[in-house]
């Protein structure tokens, strides 16, 4: 099958995060299963546009921030739109990793107008919003794109309900989880030395990197040998994180944001992965940590919290600083338990989050929507 996947942004620091990682994993697996898949994205921050990202061939188009102060939503790429209008009819299906932005929305509209089956996957990025700008965008473009879609992929029941509320109409849904390559799963040994905890993600208020930093400082203050590494592009919380790092340089450090080809190495060098953010639907960084045998600490409202608990692959905390400190302390002071959780993390990644299952679901979706023509 000839498939086009569209993602909003590629950048050297992997600032678009989970959705781009999801696309890379999907495209790699679909190609391995014999499909002709083209992955396109807007690009910012490169001196020379790469033709591969983390070993996956990509076609990137120059993009620019046409609307300031609105983040990814204001990024557009006229060269991509021109290419899409010409090339979209050559594909059996168009799969847009979907958001309220000036790349995903035009891509969905171009596919809809061309009569090419459209699959949209919002990754939790399109929800009911109180912002006036979101209501305007929904009225002009988002609602139409959701209604035009032959299939809408969702991660959780909460996301499904929200998407239907935005569309104001019943949609054709299929649940598509995030996954990780099975070959990256490894077992890890326990350690009685310094415990290395890592936060990897956008330094945004919703991700709460400052809560991670405060928890690590508290654990270290109780006399435990622990170090916290904070890695990710700044989206508003960088100054606060830097302030905490300067105040506690022996306990905290901030690493440079890394590209997709380096994330697994950073995670594999850690003993604990901590994601304090609330209502995280299906965090790719946590899945990648599991895939390399790193126990995870996630909030109770995280989309993978139940699986982490049932598999014994980490600890779920209640969202408060006190609970987070308790969870990290437990993992820091019980190396045998941490090793058991490491082994459970690898098993969980293999059993529930392998890319084979994800690709099989996508194949069923693509075949179904193509057959409706």
Protein backbone atom coordinates (compact mmCIF):
# COMPACT_ATOMS: atom_id res chain seq x y z
CA UNK A 1 0.00 0.00 0.00
CA UNK A 2 1.20 3.52 -0.74
CA UNK A 3 0.89 5.62 2.41
CA UNK A 4 1.66 9.25 3.20
CA UNK A 5 2.28 10.26 6.82
CA UNK A 6 2.37 13.95 7.74
CA UNK A 7 3.87 15.43 10.92
CA UNK A 8 4.03 19.11 11.80
CA UNK A 9 7.68 19.62 12.68
CA UNK A 10 11.13 18.09 12.60
CA UNK A 11 13.97 19.88 14.41
CA UNK A 12 17.47 18.98 15.67
CA UNK A 13 16.33 19.10 19.31
CA UNK A 14 13.29 16.88 18.70
CA UNK A 15 11.08 19.66 20.08
CA UNK A 16 7.88 18.19 18.62
CA UNK A 17 8.48 15.19 20.83
CA UNK A 18 6.10 12.26 21.07
CA UNK A 19 4.07 12.68 17.86
CA UNK A 20 7.20 12.69 15.71
CA UNK A 21 8.62 9.68 17.56
CA UNK A 22 5.31 7.87 17.00
CA UNK A 23 5.49 8.63 13.29
CA UNK A 24 9.09 7.41 13.04
CA UNK A 25 8.20 4.13 14.76
CA UNK A 26 5.11 3.60 12.62
CA UNK A 27 6.88 4.32 9.35
CA UNK A 28 9.84 2.09 10.19
CA UNK A 29 7.57 -0.85 11.03
CA UNK A 30 5.19 -0.34 8.10
CA UNK A 31 8.12 -0.25 5.68
CA UNK A 32 9.49 -3.44 7.22
CA UNK A 33 6.12 -5.03 6.47
CA UNK A 34 6.43 -4.15 2.79
CA UNK A 35 4.47 -0.89 2.50
CA UNK A 36 5.60 2.14 0.50
CA UNK A 37 5.47 4.87 3.14
CA UNK A 38 6.48 8.52 2.69
CA UNK A 39 6.99 10.62 5.82
CA UNK A 40 6.90 14.40 5.39
CA UNK A 41 7.25 17.22 7.91
CA UNK A 42 7.99 20.90 8.20
CA UNK A 43 11.51 21.67 9.39
CA UNK A 44 13.11 24.35 11.56
CA UNK A 45 16.61 24.73 12.96
CA UNK A 46 18.64 22.77 10.41
CA UNK A 47 21.55 24.20 8.44
CA UNK A 48 20.97 21.48 5.85
CA UNK A 49 17.74 19.48 5.80
CA UNK A 50 18.44 15.82 6.66
CA UNK A 51 17.08 12.99 4.56
CA UNK A 52 17.02 10.58 7.51
CA UNK A 53 16.06 10.92 11.17
CA UNK A 54 17.02 8.08 13.51
CA UNK A 55 17.58 5.87 10.48
CA UNK A 56 14.17 6.58 8.92
CA UNK A 57 14.10 8.26 5.49
CA UNK A 58 12.11 11.51 5.63
CA UNK A 59 11.18 14.31 3.25
CA UNK A 60 11.40 17.67 5.00
CA UNK A 61 10.14 21.05 3.84
CA UNK A 62 11.34 24.45 5.07
CA UNK A 63 8.90 25.91 7.60
CA UNK A 64 8.64 29.22 9.41
CA UNK A 65 6.83 30.74 12.36
CA UNK A 66 4.18 32.84 10.63
CA UNK A 67 2.20 33.60 13.80
CA UNK A 68 4.40 34.56 16.78
CA UNK A 69 3.83 33.59 20.41
CA UNK A 70 1.60 30.58 19.70
CA UNK A 71 4.24 27.87 19.51
CA UNK A 72 3.77 25.00 17.07
CA UNK A 73 0.31 26.25 16.10
CA UNK A 74 1.84 29.17 14.21
CA UNK A 75 4.29 27.15 12.08
CA UNK A 76 3.54 26.84 8.36
CA UNK A 77 5.25 25.51 5.25
CA UNK A 78 4.21 26.83 1.86
CA UNK A 79 6.56 24.41 0.01
CA UNK A 80 4.85 21.47 1.71
CA UNK A 81 1.40 22.70 0.75
CA UNK A 82 2.50 23.11 -2.86
CA UNK A 83 3.95 19.59 -2.93
CA UNK A 84 0.86 18.10 -1.27
CA UNK A 85 -1.55 19.61 -3.78
CA UNK A 86 0.41 18.00 -6.59
CA UNK A 87 1.33 14.65 -5.01
CA UNK A 88 -1.54 13.71 -2.67
CA UNK A 89 -3.53 11.85 -5.34
CA UNK A 90 -0.65 9.41 -5.77
CA UNK A 91 -1.29 7.85 -2.35
CA UNK A 92 -3.79 5.23 -1.20
CA UNK A 93 -4.20 6.89 2.19
CA UNK A 94 -3.02 10.03 3.98
CA UNK A 95 -2.28 9.73 7.71
CA UNK A 96 -1.96 13.11 9.45
CA UNK A 97 -0.52 13.34 12.96
CA UNK A 98 -3.09 15.94 13.76
CA UNK A 99 -3.14 19.19 15.72
CA UNK A 100 -4.55 22.70 15.51
CA UNK A 101 -1.68 24.08 13.45
CA UNK A 102 -0.91 25.49 10.02
CA UNK A 103 0.70 22.30 8.73
CA UNK A 104 -1.62 19.51 9.92
CA UNK A 105 -4.87 21.35 9.20
CA UNK A 106 -4.01 22.27 5.58
CA UNK A 107 -2.70 18.75 4.95
CA UNK A 108 -5.97 17.23 6.12
CA UNK A 109 -7.95 19.70 4.02
CA UNK A 110 -5.91 18.98 0.89
CA UNK A 111 -6.44 15.23 1.30
CA UNK A 112 -10.16 15.74 1.89
CA UNK A 113 -10.60 17.90 -1.19
CA UNK A 114 -8.65 15.40 -3.31
CA UNK A 115 -10.88 12.54 -2.17
CA UNK A 116 -7.97 10.55 -0.74
CA UNK A 117 -8.86 8.51 2.37
CA UNK A 118 -7.79 10.51 5.42
CA UNK A 119 -6.70 9.11 8.78
CA UNK A 120 -6.07 11.60 11.59
CA UNK A 121 -4.22 10.85 14.82
CA UNK A 122 -4.32 13.74 17.30
CA UNK A 123 -2.11 12.29 20.09
CA UNK A 124 -4.21 14.09 22.72
CA UNK A 125 -3.42 17.49 21.17
CA UNK A 126 -6.99 18.35 20.14
CA UNK A 127 -9.21 18.72 23.18
CA UNK A 128 -12.07 20.84 24.39
CA UNK A 129 -10.52 24.22 25.06
CA UNK A 130 -11.75 27.38 26.73
CA UNK A 131 -9.47 29.54 24.57
CA UNK A 132 -11.27 31.76 22.09
CA UNK A 133 -8.60 31.10 19.46
CA UNK A 134 -9.19 27.35 19.72
CA UNK A 135 -12.94 27.83 19.23
CA UNK A 136 -12.26 29.96 16.14
CA UNK A 137 -9.83 27.41 14.66
CA UNK A 138 -12.30 24.61 15.37
CA UNK A 139 -15.11 26.46 13.63
CA UNK A 140 -12.97 27.25 10.59
CA UNK A 141 -10.89 24.08 10.17
CA UNK A 142 -10.61 21.49 12.95
CA UNK A 143 -14.23 20.38 12.95
CA UNK A 144 -14.26 19.96 9.18
CA UNK A 145 -11.03 17.91 9.22
CA UNK A 146 -12.36 15.56 11.90
CA UNK A 147 -15.60 15.10 9.99
CA UNK A 148 -13.74 14.55 6.70
CA UNK A 149 -11.56 11.86 8.22
CA UNK A 150 -12.27 8.30 7.16
CA UNK A 151 -10.90 7.23 10.55
CA UNK A 152 -9.93 9.06 13.74
CA UNK A 153 -7.32 7.39 15.95
CA UNK A 154 -7.52 7.92 19.69
CA UNK A 155 -5.50 6.87 22.74
CA UNK A 156 -7.92 7.03 25.68
CA UNK A 157 -11.65 7.22 26.27
CA UNK A 158 -11.18 10.76 27.58
CA UNK A 159 -9.56 11.78 24.29
CA UNK A 160 -12.30 10.08 22.28
CA UNK A 161 -15.05 11.96 24.12
CA UNK A 162 -13.19 15.24 23.73
CA UNK A 163 -12.70 14.77 19.98
CA UNK A 164 -16.37 14.03 19.50
CA UNK A 165 -17.28 17.13 21.47
CA UNK A 166 -15.00 19.26 19.28
CA UNK A 167 -16.43 17.72 16.08
CA UNK A 168 -20.03 17.98 17.32
CA UNK A 169 -20.74 14.77 15.48
CA UNK A 170 -20.13 11.05 15.87
CA UNK A 171 -16.81 10.08 14.32
CA UNK A 172 -15.35 6.83 12.99
CA UNK A 173 -12.93 5.89 15.73
CA UNK A 174 -10.25 3.23 16.16
CA UNK A 175 -7.97 3.05 19.17
CA UNK A 176 -4.30 3.13 18.18
CA UNK A 177 -1.80 2.93 21.01
CA UNK A 178 1.75 4.19 20.96
CA UNK A 179 4.47 1.58 20.67
CA UNK A 180 8.21 0.99 20.75
CA UNK A 181 10.52 -1.22 18.68
CA UNK A 182 10.91 -4.59 20.34
CA UNK A 183 14.60 -4.81 19.50
CA UNK A 184 15.35 -1.95 21.89
CA UNK A 185 14.19 -3.93 24.95
CA UNK A 186 17.06 -4.92 27.24
CA UNK A 187 17.42 -6.19 30.80
CA UNK A 188 19.30 -4.03 33.32
CA UNK A 189 21.30 -4.87 36.41
CA UNK A 190 20.61 -3.42 39.84
CA UNK A 191 23.10 -0.96 41.33
CA UNK A 192 23.98 0.06 44.86
CA UNK A 193 25.87 3.22 43.78
CA UNK A 194 24.51 6.64 42.96
CA UNK A 195 20.98 6.47 41.59
CA UNK A 196 20.50 8.35 38.32
CA UNK A 197 17.01 9.73 37.75
CA UNK A 198 16.02 11.40 34.49
CA UNK A 199 13.26 13.70 33.32
CA UNK A 200 13.01 13.80 29.53
CA UNK A 201 10.44 15.99 27.84
CA UNK A 202 9.52 19.52 26.93
CA UNK A 203 10.27 22.00 29.72
CA UNK A 204 6.67 23.16 29.75
CA UNK A 205 4.40 23.95 32.70
CA UNK A 206 2.17 20.95 31.97
CA UNK A 207 5.14 18.58 32.20
CA UNK A 208 6.15 19.96 35.64
CA UNK A 209 9.94 19.58 35.39
CA UNK A 210 10.27 21.79 38.46
CA UNK A 211 8.37 19.16 40.49
CA UNK A 212 10.90 16.56 39.40
CA UNK A 213 13.76 18.86 40.42
CA UNK A 214 12.19 19.63 43.81
CA UNK A 215 11.60 15.95 44.50
CA UNK A 216 15.21 15.03 43.67
CA UNK A 217 16.49 17.80 45.95
CA UNK A 218 14.25 16.53 48.74
CA UNK A 219 15.40 12.93 48.32
CA UNK A 220 19.05 14.00 48.29
CA UNK A 221 18.42 16.17 51.33
CA UNK A 222 17.41 13.04 53.24
CA UNK A 223 20.93 11.72 52.72
CA UNK A 224 20.45 9.51 49.67
CA UNK A 225 23.01 9.43 46.86
CA UNK A 226 20.92 10.51 43.87
CA UNK A 227 21.34 12.76 40.88
CA UNK A 228 18.61 14.17 38.66
CA UNK A 229 19.14 14.93 34.97
CA UNK A 230 16.66 17.19 33.16
CA UNK A 231 16.68 16.90 29.36
CA UNK A 232 14.41 18.64 26.87
CA UNK A 233 13.75 21.82 24.89
CA UNK A 234 12.62 24.90 26.78
CA UNK A 235 8.94 25.76 26.51
CA UNK A 236 8.67 28.28 29.30
CA UNK A 237 10.08 26.45 32.33
CA UNK A 238 13.76 26.56 31.40
CA UNK A 239 14.56 29.57 33.58
CA UNK A 240 12.96 27.97 36.65
CA UNK A 241 14.78 24.70 36.01
CA UNK A 242 18.10 26.53 35.59
CA UNK A 243 17.48 28.37 38.86
CA UNK A 244 17.04 25.07 40.70
CA UNK A 245 20.10 23.55 39.02
CA UNK A 246 22.24 26.54 40.03
CA UNK A 247 21.02 26.23 43.63
CA UNK A 248 21.75 22.47 43.76
CA UNK A 249 24.56 21.71 41.28
CA UNK A 250 25.66 18.61 43.16
CA UNK A 251 22.19 17.09 42.87
CA UNK A 252 20.75 18.40 39.61
CA UNK A 253 21.97 18.97 36.08
CA UNK A 254 20.34 20.10 32.89
CA UNK A 255 21.38 18.38 29.68
CA UNK A 256 21.02 19.68 26.18
CA UNK A 257 17.90 18.69 24.29
CA UNK A 258 18.77 15.64 22.20
CA UNK A 259 17.66 14.34 18.82
CA UNK A 260 15.60 11.20 18.30
CA UNK A 261 18.73 9.15 17.63
CA UNK A 262 20.04 9.90 21.14
CA UNK A 263 17.00 9.57 23.39
CA UNK A 264 17.35 5.84 24.00
CA UNK A 265 21.01 6.21 25.00
CA UNK A 266 20.16 8.91 27.56
CA UNK A 267 17.36 6.81 29.03
CA UNK A 268 19.43 3.62 29.11
CA UNK A 269 22.10 5.41 31.16
CA UNK A 270 19.54 6.13 33.89
CA UNK A 271 18.14 4.06 36.76
CA UNK A 272 14.74 5.75 37.05
CA UNK A 273 12.58 7.68 34.58
CA UNK A 274 10.24 10.25 36.15
CA UNK A 275 7.37 11.99 34.38
CA UNK A 276 5.47 14.27 36.77
CA UNK A 277 3.05 15.75 34.21
CA UNK A 278 -0.69 15.48 34.79
CA UNK A 279 -3.15 13.80 32.41
CA UNK A 280 -0.42 12.53 30.09
CA UNK A 281 -2.38 10.35 27.63
CA UNK A 282 0.30 7.95 26.38
CA UNK A 283 3.84 9.28 26.93
CA UNK A 284 6.38 8.10 24.39
CA UNK A 285 9.36 8.93 26.61
CA UNK A 286 7.96 6.64 29.30
CA UNK A 287 7.42 3.86 26.77
CA UNK A 288 10.98 4.26 25.52
CA UNK A 289 12.23 4.07 29.11
CA UNK A 290 10.30 0.84 29.63
CA UNK A 291 11.73 -0.51 26.38
CA UNK A 292 15.29 -0.23 27.70
CA UNK A 293 14.38 -1.64 31.11
CA UNK A 294 14.13 1.57 33.11
CA UNK A 295 11.43 1.64 35.82
CA UNK A 296 9.10 4.61 35.46
CA UNK A 297 7.38 6.94 37.89
CA UNK A 298 4.19 8.42 36.43
CA UNK A 299 1.12 10.19 37.79
CA UNK A 300 -2.09 8.28 38.53
CA UNK A 301 -3.93 9.98 35.65
CA UNK A 302 -1.30 8.99 33.09
CA UNK A 303 -2.66 6.76 30.32
CA UNK A 304 -0.22 3.92 31.08
CA UNK A 305 -0.47 4.10 34.88
CA UNK A 306 -2.66 1.02 35.24
CA UNK A 307 -0.35 -1.08 33.07
CA UNK A 308 2.73 0.09 34.97
CA UNK A 309 1.11 -0.87 38.27
CA UNK A 310 -0.19 -4.26 37.16
CA UNK A 311 3.13 -5.19 35.55
CA UNK A 312 5.20 -3.96 38.47
CA UNK A 313 7.25 -1.86 36.03
CA UNK A 314 7.42 1.27 38.18
CA UNK A 315 5.51 3.34 40.70
CA UNK A 316 2.42 5.50 40.24
CA UNK A 317 2.20 8.63 42.41
CA UNK A 318 -0.80 10.80 43.22
CA UNK A 319 0.47 14.03 41.65
CA UNK A 320 1.76 15.66 44.82
CA UNK A 321 5.37 16.45 45.71
CA UNK A 322 5.16 14.29 48.84
CA UNK A 323 3.97 11.28 46.87
CA UNK A 324 6.64 11.79 44.21
CA UNK A 325 9.38 12.01 46.85
CA UNK A 326 8.10 8.78 48.38
CA UNK A 327 8.11 6.98 45.02
CA UNK A 328 11.63 8.09 44.11
CA UNK A 329 12.89 7.28 47.60
CA UNK A 330 11.50 3.76 47.35
CA UNK A 331 13.27 3.11 44.07
CA UNK A 332 16.48 4.76 45.28
CA UNK A 333 16.72 2.73 48.49
CA UNK A 334 15.64 -0.68 47.23
CA UNK A 335 18.04 -1.80 44.47
CA UNK A 336 16.66 -5.34 44.34
CA UNK A 337 13.14 -4.02 43.85
CA UNK A 338 14.44 -1.61 41.24
CA UNK A 339 16.09 -4.48 39.37
CA UNK A 340 12.87 -6.51 39.47
CA UNK A 341 10.98 -3.51 38.11
CA UNK A 342 13.60 -3.13 35.39
CA UNK A 343 12.96 -6.67 34.21
CA UNK A 344 9.20 -6.09 34.43
CA UNK A 345 9.58 -2.91 32.36
CA UNK A 346 11.13 -4.85 29.50
CA UNK A 347 8.42 -7.51 29.69
CA UNK A 348 5.68 -4.87 29.64
CA UNK A 349 7.17 -3.17 26.59
CA UNK A 350 7.34 -6.49 24.75
CA UNK A 351 3.87 -7.67 25.78
CA UNK A 352 1.78 -4.53 25.34
CA UNK A 353 3.66 -1.88 23.40
CA UNK A 354 5.42 -3.64 20.53
CA UNK A 355 5.27 -2.00 17.12
CA UNK A 356 4.00 -5.17 15.46
CA UNK A 357 0.63 -4.79 17.16
CA UNK A 358 0.46 -1.08 16.27
CA UNK A 359 1.33 -1.70 12.62
CA UNK A 360 -1.25 -4.49 12.32
CA UNK A 361 -3.93 -2.10 13.59
CA UNK A 362 -2.84 0.55 11.09
CA UNK A 363 -2.91 -1.97 8.25
CA UNK A 364 -6.50 -2.84 9.15
CA UNK A 365 -7.44 0.85 9.22
CA UNK A 366 -5.77 1.64 5.91
CA UNK A 367 -7.33 -1.36 4.17
CA UNK A 368 -10.77 -0.46 5.52
CA UNK A 369 -10.68 3.20 4.49
CA UNK A 370 -9.25 2.38 1.08
CA UNK A 371 -12.05 -0.13 0.49
CA UNK A 372 -14.66 2.60 1.06
CA UNK A 373 -13.68 4.42 -2.14
